[in-house]
């Protein structure tokens, strides 16, 4: 088994690229405490590739990943090809899934989440803010593996007190 230390980021590449680039910008900024090893740095899949070759590339990236960050935007629930594939693969590989809502919601959003997230089950839902994303990346994967039996039937979100402790009102 490969050593898993990467962050796998799933998102709508047509509509939510700005948020993916924001994550990379936070990582590159020496004044922001936000480090991660990007699974997408391993190998690029070209848009002109066939879906099966893209899925093979995504599979190779995810096999080296410790956690998935799913960026949920306005159209994410309507995606039918790669995002549902990525979610199902993460579940099969027992990779914790952090769902970052791009509309600032801090809990499961049924109007935007893809059906493959199944009512938020077995995931944690947060807003797209640097400090809470870092907190979730630092704490949720280990918590998930220690407590996954207790989260199998419902989704999680952090309480307001966690956001307040991070300086997020």
N, C-alpha and C. Protein backbone atom coordinates (compact mmCIF):
# COMPACT_ATOMS: atom_id res chain seq x y z
N UNK A 1 0.84 -1.18 0.00
CA UNK A 1 0.00 0.00 0.00
C UNK A 1 0.88 1.24 0.00
N UNK A 2 0.53 2.22 -0.79
CA UNK A 2 1.29 3.46 -0.89
C UNK A 2 1.12 4.30 0.37
N UNK A 3 2.13 5.10 0.66
CA UNK A 3 2.04 6.03 1.77
C UNK A 3 1.08 7.14 1.38
N UNK A 4 0.07 7.33 2.17
CA UNK A 4 -0.96 8.33 1.86
C UNK A 4 -0.70 9.61 2.64
N UNK A 5 -0.30 10.65 1.94
CA UNK A 5 -0.09 11.93 2.60
C UNK A 5 -0.64 13.10 1.77
N UNK A 6 -1.37 12.82 0.74
CA UNK A 6 -1.84 13.85 -0.17
C UNK A 6 -3.27 14.30 0.16
N UNK A 7 -3.57 15.52 -0.28
CA UNK A 7 -4.92 16.04 -0.23
C UNK A 7 -5.51 15.91 -1.63
N UNK A 8 -6.60 15.20 -1.73
CA UNK A 8 -7.30 15.05 -3.01
C UNK A 8 -8.43 16.06 -3.02
N UNK A 9 -8.45 16.94 -4.00
CA UNK A 9 -9.47 17.98 -4.09
C UNK A 9 -10.38 17.66 -5.27
N UNK A 10 -11.67 17.49 -4.98
CA UNK A 10 -12.67 17.24 -6.01
C UNK A 10 -13.54 18.48 -6.14
N UNK A 11 -13.84 18.87 -7.37
CA UNK A 11 -14.61 20.09 -7.60
C UNK A 11 -15.10 20.12 -9.04
N UNK A 12 -16.00 21.06 -9.30
CA UNK A 12 -16.50 21.30 -10.64
C UNK A 12 -15.44 22.11 -11.38
N UNK A 13 -14.69 21.47 -12.26
CA UNK A 13 -13.60 22.12 -12.95
C UNK A 13 -14.04 23.23 -13.89
N UNK A 14 -15.30 23.23 -14.28
CA UNK A 14 -15.80 24.29 -15.17
C UNK A 14 -16.25 25.52 -14.40
N UNK A 15 -16.87 25.32 -13.25
CA UNK A 15 -17.49 26.44 -12.53
C UNK A 15 -16.72 26.88 -11.28
N UNK A 16 -15.96 25.98 -10.66
CA UNK A 16 -15.37 26.29 -9.35
C UNK A 16 -13.85 26.30 -9.33
N UNK A 17 -13.24 26.49 -10.48
CA UNK A 17 -11.78 26.52 -10.58
C UNK A 17 -11.17 27.62 -9.71
N UNK A 18 -11.85 28.74 -9.58
CA UNK A 18 -11.36 29.85 -8.77
C UNK A 18 -11.09 29.40 -7.32
N UNK A 19 -11.95 28.55 -6.79
CA UNK A 19 -11.80 28.10 -5.40
C UNK A 19 -10.62 27.14 -5.28
N UNK A 20 -10.44 26.30 -6.26
CA UNK A 20 -9.27 25.42 -6.29
C UNK A 20 -7.99 26.25 -6.34
N UNK A 21 -7.99 27.27 -7.18
CA UNK A 21 -6.83 28.15 -7.27
C UNK A 21 -6.61 28.94 -5.98
N UNK A 22 -7.69 29.25 -5.27
CA UNK A 22 -7.57 29.92 -3.98
C UNK A 22 -6.84 29.03 -2.98
N UNK A 23 -7.17 27.75 -2.96
CA UNK A 23 -6.46 26.81 -2.08
C UNK A 23 -4.97 26.80 -2.38
N UNK A 24 -4.64 26.76 -3.66
CA UNK A 24 -3.24 26.76 -4.08
C UNK A 24 -2.55 28.09 -3.72
N UNK A 25 -3.28 29.18 -3.81
CA UNK A 25 -2.74 30.49 -3.44
C UNK A 25 -2.45 30.54 -1.94
N UNK A 26 -3.38 30.03 -1.12
CA UNK A 26 -3.14 30.00 0.33
C UNK A 26 -1.90 29.18 0.63
N UNK A 27 -1.75 28.06 -0.04
CA UNK A 27 -0.59 27.19 0.18
C UNK A 27 0.70 27.90 -0.22
N UNK A 28 0.69 28.67 -1.27
CA UNK A 28 1.90 29.33 -1.76
C UNK A 28 2.28 30.57 -0.95
N UNK A 29 1.34 31.12 -0.21
CA UNK A 29 1.58 32.35 0.54
C UNK A 29 2.31 32.03 1.85
N UNK A 30 3.53 32.52 2.00
CA UNK A 30 4.34 32.24 3.21
C UNK A 30 3.74 32.86 4.46
N UNK A 31 2.82 33.82 4.31
CA UNK A 31 2.20 34.47 5.45
C UNK A 31 0.91 33.77 5.92
N UNK A 32 0.53 32.70 5.24
CA UNK A 32 -0.68 31.96 5.60
C UNK A 32 -0.28 30.54 5.97
N UNK A 33 -0.73 30.10 7.14
CA UNK A 33 -0.43 28.75 7.61
C UNK A 33 -1.41 27.78 6.96
N UNK A 34 -1.04 27.30 5.78
CA UNK A 34 -1.93 26.40 5.04
C UNK A 34 -1.08 25.55 4.11
N UNK A 35 -0.64 24.41 4.61
CA UNK A 35 0.21 23.53 3.81
C UNK A 35 -0.52 22.23 3.51
N UNK A 36 -0.31 21.75 2.31
CA UNK A 36 -0.82 20.43 1.94
C UNK A 36 -0.05 19.92 0.74
N UNK A 37 -0.04 18.62 0.59
CA UNK A 37 0.55 17.98 -0.58
C UNK A 37 -0.60 17.68 -1.52
N UNK A 38 -0.61 18.33 -2.65
CA UNK A 38 -1.71 18.25 -3.59
C UNK A 38 -1.61 16.99 -4.44
N UNK A 39 -2.59 16.11 -4.33
CA UNK A 39 -2.60 14.89 -5.13
C UNK A 39 -2.63 15.19 -6.62
N UNK A 40 -3.17 16.34 -7.00
CA UNK A 40 -3.26 16.70 -8.42
C UNK A 40 -1.92 17.12 -9.00
N UNK A 41 -0.92 17.31 -8.15
CA UNK A 41 0.41 17.62 -8.65
C UNK A 41 1.12 16.39 -9.22
N UNK A 42 0.57 15.20 -8.95
CA UNK A 42 1.22 13.96 -9.37
C UNK A 42 1.24 13.80 -10.88
N UNK A 43 0.09 13.99 -11.51
CA UNK A 43 -0.01 13.79 -12.95
C UNK A 43 -1.23 14.53 -13.44
N UNK A 44 -1.09 15.30 -14.47
CA UNK A 44 -2.22 16.04 -15.01
C UNK A 44 -2.98 15.20 -16.03
N UNK A 45 -4.28 15.27 -15.93
CA UNK A 45 -5.14 14.66 -16.94
C UNK A 45 -5.59 15.78 -17.87
N UNK A 46 -5.36 15.62 -19.13
CA UNK A 46 -5.74 16.65 -20.08
C UNK A 46 -7.23 16.59 -20.37
N UNK A 47 -7.83 17.74 -20.58
CA UNK A 47 -9.26 17.80 -20.87
C UNK A 47 -9.62 17.03 -22.13
N UNK A 48 -8.65 16.83 -23.01
CA UNK A 48 -8.92 16.14 -24.26
C UNK A 48 -8.86 14.62 -24.10
N UNK A 49 -8.47 14.14 -22.93
CA UNK A 49 -8.37 12.71 -22.69
C UNK A 49 -9.75 12.07 -22.67
N UNK A 50 -9.80 10.79 -22.93
CA UNK A 50 -11.05 10.05 -22.83
C UNK A 50 -11.42 9.88 -21.37
N UNK A 51 -12.73 9.82 -21.06
CA UNK A 51 -13.15 9.69 -19.67
C UNK A 51 -12.46 8.55 -18.91
N UNK A 52 -12.27 7.40 -19.54
CA UNK A 52 -11.64 6.28 -18.84
C UNK A 52 -10.18 6.55 -18.50
N UNK A 53 -9.47 7.26 -19.37
CA UNK A 53 -8.07 7.58 -19.05
C UNK A 53 -8.01 8.65 -17.97
N UNK A 54 -8.97 9.58 -17.97
CA UNK A 54 -9.03 10.57 -16.89
C UNK A 54 -9.33 9.87 -15.57
N UNK A 55 -10.28 8.94 -15.56
CA UNK A 55 -10.60 8.20 -14.33
C UNK A 55 -9.40 7.41 -13.83
N UNK A 56 -8.62 6.84 -14.72
CA UNK A 56 -7.42 6.10 -14.31
C UNK A 56 -6.43 7.04 -13.64
N UNK A 57 -6.28 8.23 -14.18
CA UNK A 57 -5.39 9.23 -13.59
C UNK A 57 -5.91 9.68 -12.22
N UNK A 58 -7.21 9.90 -12.12
CA UNK A 58 -7.81 10.30 -10.84
C UNK A 58 -7.64 9.19 -9.81
N UNK A 59 -7.81 7.95 -10.22
CA UNK A 59 -7.65 6.80 -9.33
C UNK A 59 -6.22 6.75 -8.78
N UNK A 60 -5.23 6.95 -9.65
CA UNK A 60 -3.83 6.92 -9.21
C UNK A 60 -3.56 8.04 -8.21
N UNK A 61 -4.12 9.20 -8.42
CA UNK A 61 -3.95 10.31 -7.49
C UNK A 61 -4.58 10.00 -6.14
N UNK A 62 -5.79 9.46 -6.18
CA UNK A 62 -6.50 9.21 -4.93
C UNK A 62 -5.85 8.10 -4.11
N UNK A 63 -5.24 7.14 -4.75
CA UNK A 63 -4.60 6.05 -4.02
C UNK A 63 -3.45 6.55 -3.14
N UNK A 64 -2.95 7.75 -3.41
CA UNK A 64 -1.89 8.35 -2.60
C UNK A 64 -2.43 9.40 -1.63
N UNK A 65 -3.75 9.47 -1.49
CA UNK A 65 -4.36 10.54 -0.72
C UNK A 65 -4.78 10.09 0.67
N UNK A 66 -4.66 11.01 1.60
CA UNK A 66 -5.05 10.78 3.00
C UNK A 66 -6.48 11.26 3.24
N UNK A 67 -6.89 12.29 2.51
CA UNK A 67 -8.19 12.91 2.73
C UNK A 67 -8.67 13.55 1.43
N UNK A 68 -9.99 13.63 1.28
CA UNK A 68 -10.58 14.31 0.14
C UNK A 68 -11.25 15.59 0.63
N UNK A 69 -11.03 16.66 -0.09
CA UNK A 69 -11.74 17.91 0.12
C UNK A 69 -12.66 18.09 -1.09
N UNK A 70 -13.94 18.04 -0.85
CA UNK A 70 -14.93 18.19 -1.90
C UNK A 70 -15.47 19.61 -1.86
N UNK A 71 -15.22 20.38 -2.90
CA UNK A 71 -15.72 21.74 -3.00
C UNK A 71 -17.11 21.69 -3.62
N UNK A 72 -18.10 22.16 -2.88
CA UNK A 72 -19.49 22.07 -3.34
C UNK A 72 -20.00 23.46 -3.69
N UNK A 73 -20.19 23.64 -4.99
CA UNK A 73 -20.70 24.90 -5.51
C UNK A 73 -22.11 24.77 -6.00
N UNK A 74 -22.55 25.79 -6.70
CA UNK A 74 -23.94 25.89 -7.15
C UNK A 74 -24.36 24.72 -8.05
N UNK A 75 -23.45 24.19 -8.86
CA UNK A 75 -23.81 23.15 -9.82
C UNK A 75 -23.27 21.76 -9.48
N UNK A 76 -22.61 21.61 -8.35
CA UNK A 76 -21.96 20.34 -8.03
C UNK A 76 -22.95 19.17 -8.02
N UNK A 77 -24.13 19.39 -7.52
CA UNK A 77 -25.10 18.27 -7.43
C UNK A 77 -25.55 17.77 -8.79
N UNK A 78 -25.34 18.57 -9.83
CA UNK A 78 -25.76 18.16 -11.17
C UNK A 78 -24.68 17.42 -11.94
N UNK A 79 -23.48 17.35 -11.39
CA UNK A 79 -22.37 16.67 -12.08
C UNK A 79 -22.62 15.17 -12.08
N UNK A 80 -22.35 14.52 -13.19
CA UNK A 80 -22.65 13.09 -13.31
C UNK A 80 -21.45 12.23 -13.67
N UNK A 81 -20.31 12.83 -13.99
CA UNK A 81 -19.20 12.01 -14.47
C UNK A 81 -18.10 11.85 -13.44
N UNK A 82 -17.30 12.87 -13.23
CA UNK A 82 -16.11 12.69 -12.41
C UNK A 82 -16.33 12.85 -10.91
N UNK A 83 -17.08 13.85 -10.47
CA UNK A 83 -17.26 14.05 -9.03
C UNK A 83 -17.94 12.84 -8.37
N UNK A 84 -19.03 12.31 -8.91
CA UNK A 84 -19.59 11.10 -8.29
C UNK A 84 -18.60 9.93 -8.29
N UNK A 85 -17.83 9.78 -9.35
CA UNK A 85 -16.80 8.74 -9.42
C UNK A 85 -15.78 8.94 -8.30
N UNK A 86 -15.35 10.19 -8.10
CA UNK A 86 -14.34 10.49 -7.07
C UNK A 86 -14.88 10.21 -5.67
N UNK A 87 -16.13 10.56 -5.42
CA UNK A 87 -16.73 10.32 -4.10
C UNK A 87 -16.84 8.82 -3.83
N UNK A 88 -17.33 8.09 -4.80
CA UNK A 88 -17.45 6.63 -4.63
C UNK A 88 -16.09 5.97 -4.44
N UNK A 89 -15.09 6.43 -5.16
CA UNK A 89 -13.74 5.88 -5.01
C UNK A 89 -13.18 6.20 -3.63
N UNK A 90 -13.38 7.42 -3.16
CA UNK A 90 -12.91 7.78 -1.81
C UNK A 90 -13.55 6.88 -0.76
N UNK A 91 -14.83 6.63 -0.91
CA UNK A 91 -15.52 5.74 0.05
C UNK A 91 -14.95 4.32 -0.03
N UNK A 92 -14.72 3.83 -1.25
CA UNK A 92 -14.19 2.48 -1.40
C UNK A 92 -12.79 2.36 -0.81
N UNK A 93 -11.99 3.43 -0.91
CA UNK A 93 -10.63 3.43 -0.37
C UNK A 93 -10.59 3.87 1.10
N UNK A 94 -11.76 4.12 1.70
CA UNK A 94 -11.89 4.54 3.10
C UNK A 94 -11.12 5.84 3.37
N UNK A 95 -11.27 6.80 2.46
CA UNK A 95 -10.64 8.11 2.59
C UNK A 95 -11.68 9.07 3.17
N UNK A 96 -11.37 9.74 4.26
CA UNK A 96 -12.31 10.70 4.85
C UNK A 96 -12.63 11.82 3.85
N UNK A 97 -13.89 12.27 3.88
CA UNK A 97 -14.34 13.33 2.96
C UNK A 97 -14.76 14.55 3.76
N UNK A 98 -14.11 15.67 3.45
CA UNK A 98 -14.47 16.97 4.02
C UNK A 98 -15.19 17.73 2.91
N UNK A 99 -16.39 18.18 3.19
CA UNK A 99 -17.19 18.90 2.20
C UNK A 99 -17.13 20.39 2.54
N UNK A 100 -16.56 21.18 1.65
CA UNK A 100 -16.48 22.63 1.85
C UNK A 100 -17.53 23.30 0.97
N UNK A 101 -18.51 23.90 1.61
CA UNK A 101 -19.59 24.58 0.90
C UNK A 101 -19.11 25.95 0.43
N UNK A 102 -19.26 26.23 -0.84
CA UNK A 102 -18.80 27.49 -1.41
C UNK A 102 -19.79 28.63 -1.17
N UNK A 103 -20.94 28.32 -0.55
CA UNK A 103 -21.95 29.34 -0.24
C UNK A 103 -21.93 29.72 1.24
N UNK A 104 -20.87 29.39 1.94
CA UNK A 104 -20.66 29.73 3.36
C UNK A 104 -21.49 28.92 4.35
N UNK A 105 -22.29 27.99 3.88
CA UNK A 105 -23.02 27.14 4.83
C UNK A 105 -22.03 26.27 5.58
N UNK A 106 -22.36 25.99 6.84
CA UNK A 106 -21.46 25.23 7.71
C UNK A 106 -21.94 23.81 7.96
N UNK A 107 -23.00 23.42 7.31
CA UNK A 107 -23.54 22.07 7.47
C UNK A 107 -23.97 21.53 6.11
N UNK A 108 -24.43 20.29 6.11
CA UNK A 108 -24.88 19.65 4.89
C UNK A 108 -25.89 20.52 4.16
N UNK A 109 -25.68 20.73 2.87
CA UNK A 109 -26.57 21.54 2.05
C UNK A 109 -27.19 20.65 0.97
N UNK A 110 -28.42 20.18 1.20
CA UNK A 110 -29.04 19.26 0.24
C UNK A 110 -29.33 19.90 -1.12
N UNK A 111 -29.33 21.23 -1.19
CA UNK A 111 -29.61 21.88 -2.47
C UNK A 111 -28.38 21.93 -3.37
N UNK A 112 -27.19 21.62 -2.82
CA UNK A 112 -25.97 21.68 -3.61
C UNK A 112 -25.15 20.41 -3.60
N UNK A 113 -25.26 19.62 -2.55
CA UNK A 113 -24.44 18.41 -2.43
C UNK A 113 -24.87 17.36 -3.46
N UNK A 114 -23.90 16.68 -4.06
CA UNK A 114 -24.26 15.61 -4.99
C UNK A 114 -24.92 14.45 -4.26
N UNK A 115 -25.77 13.73 -4.97
CA UNK A 115 -26.50 12.62 -4.36
C UNK A 115 -25.55 11.54 -3.84
N UNK A 116 -24.34 11.46 -4.38
CA UNK A 116 -23.40 10.44 -3.91
C UNK A 116 -22.87 10.74 -2.51
N UNK A 117 -23.20 11.91 -1.96
CA UNK A 117 -22.85 12.21 -0.57
C UNK A 117 -23.95 11.69 0.36
N UNK A 118 -25.10 11.31 -0.17
CA UNK A 118 -26.16 10.63 0.56
C UNK A 118 -26.50 11.27 1.89
N UNK A 119 -27.15 12.40 1.85
CA UNK A 119 -27.60 13.12 3.05
C UNK A 119 -26.45 13.50 3.98
N UNK A 120 -25.27 13.64 3.44
CA UNK A 120 -24.12 14.05 4.25
C UNK A 120 -23.49 12.94 5.05
N UNK A 121 -23.96 11.72 4.86
CA UNK A 121 -23.50 10.58 5.64
C UNK A 121 -21.99 10.38 5.49
N UNK A 122 -21.35 10.16 6.62
CA UNK A 122 -19.92 9.80 6.66
C UNK A 122 -19.01 10.90 6.12
N UNK A 123 -19.41 12.15 6.32
CA UNK A 123 -18.62 13.29 5.88
C UNK A 123 -18.72 14.38 6.94
N UNK A 124 -17.82 15.36 6.86
CA UNK A 124 -17.95 16.56 7.69
C UNK A 124 -18.14 17.73 6.73
N UNK A 125 -19.04 18.65 7.10
CA UNK A 125 -19.41 19.77 6.24
C UNK A 125 -18.98 21.07 6.90
N UNK A 126 -18.30 21.91 6.10
CA UNK A 126 -17.75 23.17 6.59
C UNK A 126 -17.97 24.25 5.54
N UNK A 127 -17.70 25.47 5.93
CA UNK A 127 -17.72 26.57 4.96
C UNK A 127 -16.35 26.66 4.30
N UNK A 128 -16.31 27.31 3.16
CA UNK A 128 -15.05 27.48 2.44
C UNK A 128 -14.34 28.70 3.02
N UNK A 129 -13.61 28.46 4.11
CA UNK A 129 -12.80 29.48 4.78
C UNK A 129 -11.49 28.83 5.17
N UNK A 130 -10.41 29.53 4.97
CA UNK A 130 -9.07 28.95 5.16
C UNK A 130 -8.89 28.32 6.53
N UNK A 131 -9.27 28.99 7.59
CA UNK A 131 -9.00 28.48 8.94
C UNK A 131 -9.78 27.22 9.26
N UNK A 132 -11.05 27.14 8.87
CA UNK A 132 -11.83 25.93 9.17
C UNK A 132 -11.40 24.78 8.26
N UNK A 133 -11.00 25.10 7.03
CA UNK A 133 -10.49 24.03 6.16
C UNK A 133 -9.21 23.45 6.75
N UNK A 134 -8.31 24.31 7.21
CA UNK A 134 -7.07 23.84 7.82
C UNK A 134 -7.38 23.01 9.07
N UNK A 135 -8.30 23.50 9.88
CA UNK A 135 -8.68 22.77 11.10
C UNK A 135 -9.20 21.37 10.73
N UNK A 136 -10.09 21.31 9.75
CA UNK A 136 -10.64 20.02 9.35
C UNK A 136 -9.56 19.11 8.77
N UNK A 137 -8.67 19.65 7.96
CA UNK A 137 -7.58 18.83 7.39
C UNK A 137 -6.66 18.31 8.48
N UNK A 138 -6.42 19.11 9.50
CA UNK A 138 -5.54 18.71 10.59
C UNK A 138 -6.16 17.70 11.54
N UNK A 139 -7.49 17.75 11.71
CA UNK A 139 -8.13 16.95 12.76
C UNK A 139 -9.09 15.87 12.27
N UNK A 140 -9.83 16.14 11.20
CA UNK A 140 -10.87 15.19 10.81
C UNK A 140 -10.36 13.83 10.35
N UNK A 141 -9.29 13.71 9.56
CA UNK A 141 -8.89 12.37 9.11
C UNK A 141 -8.62 11.39 10.26
N UNK A 142 -7.87 11.80 11.27
CA UNK A 142 -7.60 10.91 12.40
C UNK A 142 -8.87 10.63 13.19
N UNK A 143 -9.70 11.67 13.39
CA UNK A 143 -10.95 11.48 14.12
C UNK A 143 -11.85 10.50 13.36
N UNK A 144 -11.93 10.66 12.06
CA UNK A 144 -12.75 9.79 11.22
C UNK A 144 -12.33 8.33 11.40
N UNK A 145 -11.04 8.05 11.29
CA UNK A 145 -10.59 6.66 11.39
C UNK A 145 -10.80 6.09 12.79
N UNK A 146 -10.73 6.92 13.81
CA UNK A 146 -10.96 6.44 15.18
C UNK A 146 -12.44 6.27 15.49
N UNK A 147 -13.31 7.00 14.78
CA UNK A 147 -14.74 7.03 15.12
C UNK A 147 -15.67 6.71 13.97
N UNK A 148 -15.16 6.13 12.90
CA UNK A 148 -15.99 5.99 11.70
C UNK A 148 -17.26 5.19 11.92
N UNK A 149 -17.26 4.28 12.83
CA UNK A 149 -18.50 3.54 13.08
C UNK A 149 -19.60 4.45 13.60
N UNK A 150 -19.22 5.49 14.34
CA UNK A 150 -20.23 6.39 14.89
C UNK A 150 -20.70 7.43 13.88
N UNK A 151 -20.00 7.60 12.78
CA UNK A 151 -20.43 8.59 11.78
C UNK A 151 -21.04 7.94 10.55
N UNK A 152 -21.19 6.63 10.55
CA UNK A 152 -21.70 5.94 9.39
C UNK A 152 -23.11 6.34 9.01
N UNK A 153 -23.93 6.74 9.96
CA UNK A 153 -25.33 6.99 9.67
C UNK A 153 -25.72 8.46 9.57
N UNK A 154 -24.76 9.34 9.71
CA UNK A 154 -25.10 10.76 9.60
C UNK A 154 -23.86 11.58 9.24
N UNK A 155 -24.12 12.80 8.80
CA UNK A 155 -23.03 13.72 8.50
C UNK A 155 -22.70 14.56 9.72
N UNK A 156 -21.58 15.18 9.68
CA UNK A 156 -21.13 16.00 10.79
C UNK A 156 -20.88 17.42 10.33
N UNK A 157 -20.86 18.31 11.28
CA UNK A 157 -20.42 19.68 11.05
C UNK A 157 -19.81 20.16 12.37
N UNK A 158 -18.96 21.14 12.28
CA UNK A 158 -18.35 21.67 13.49
C UNK A 158 -19.31 22.66 14.14
N UNK A 159 -19.34 22.69 15.48
CA UNK A 159 -20.22 23.64 16.16
C UNK A 159 -19.70 25.08 16.00
N UNK A 160 -20.57 26.03 16.23
CA UNK A 160 -20.19 27.44 16.14
C UNK A 160 -18.99 27.76 17.03
N UNK A 161 -18.87 27.06 18.16
CA UNK A 161 -17.75 27.32 19.07
C UNK A 161 -16.40 27.04 18.40
N UNK A 162 -16.35 26.06 17.50
CA UNK A 162 -15.11 25.77 16.77
C UNK A 162 -14.78 26.93 15.84
N UNK A 163 -15.77 27.42 15.14
CA UNK A 163 -15.56 28.57 14.26
C UNK A 163 -15.10 29.79 15.06
N UNK A 164 -15.75 30.02 16.22
CA UNK A 164 -15.36 31.16 17.06
C UNK A 164 -13.92 31.02 17.55
N UNK A 165 -13.53 29.80 17.94
CA UNK A 165 -12.16 29.59 18.43
C UNK A 165 -11.12 29.85 17.35
N UNK A 166 -11.53 29.77 16.08
CA UNK A 166 -10.64 30.04 14.96
C UNK A 166 -10.72 31.49 14.49
N UNK A 167 -11.53 32.28 15.19
CA UNK A 167 -11.68 33.69 14.81
C UNK A 167 -12.67 33.91 13.69
N UNK A 168 -13.51 32.92 13.45
CA UNK A 168 -14.52 33.02 12.39
C UNK A 168 -15.88 33.25 13.05
N UNK A 169 -16.51 34.33 12.72
CA UNK A 169 -17.79 34.67 13.37
C UNK A 169 -18.95 34.12 12.58
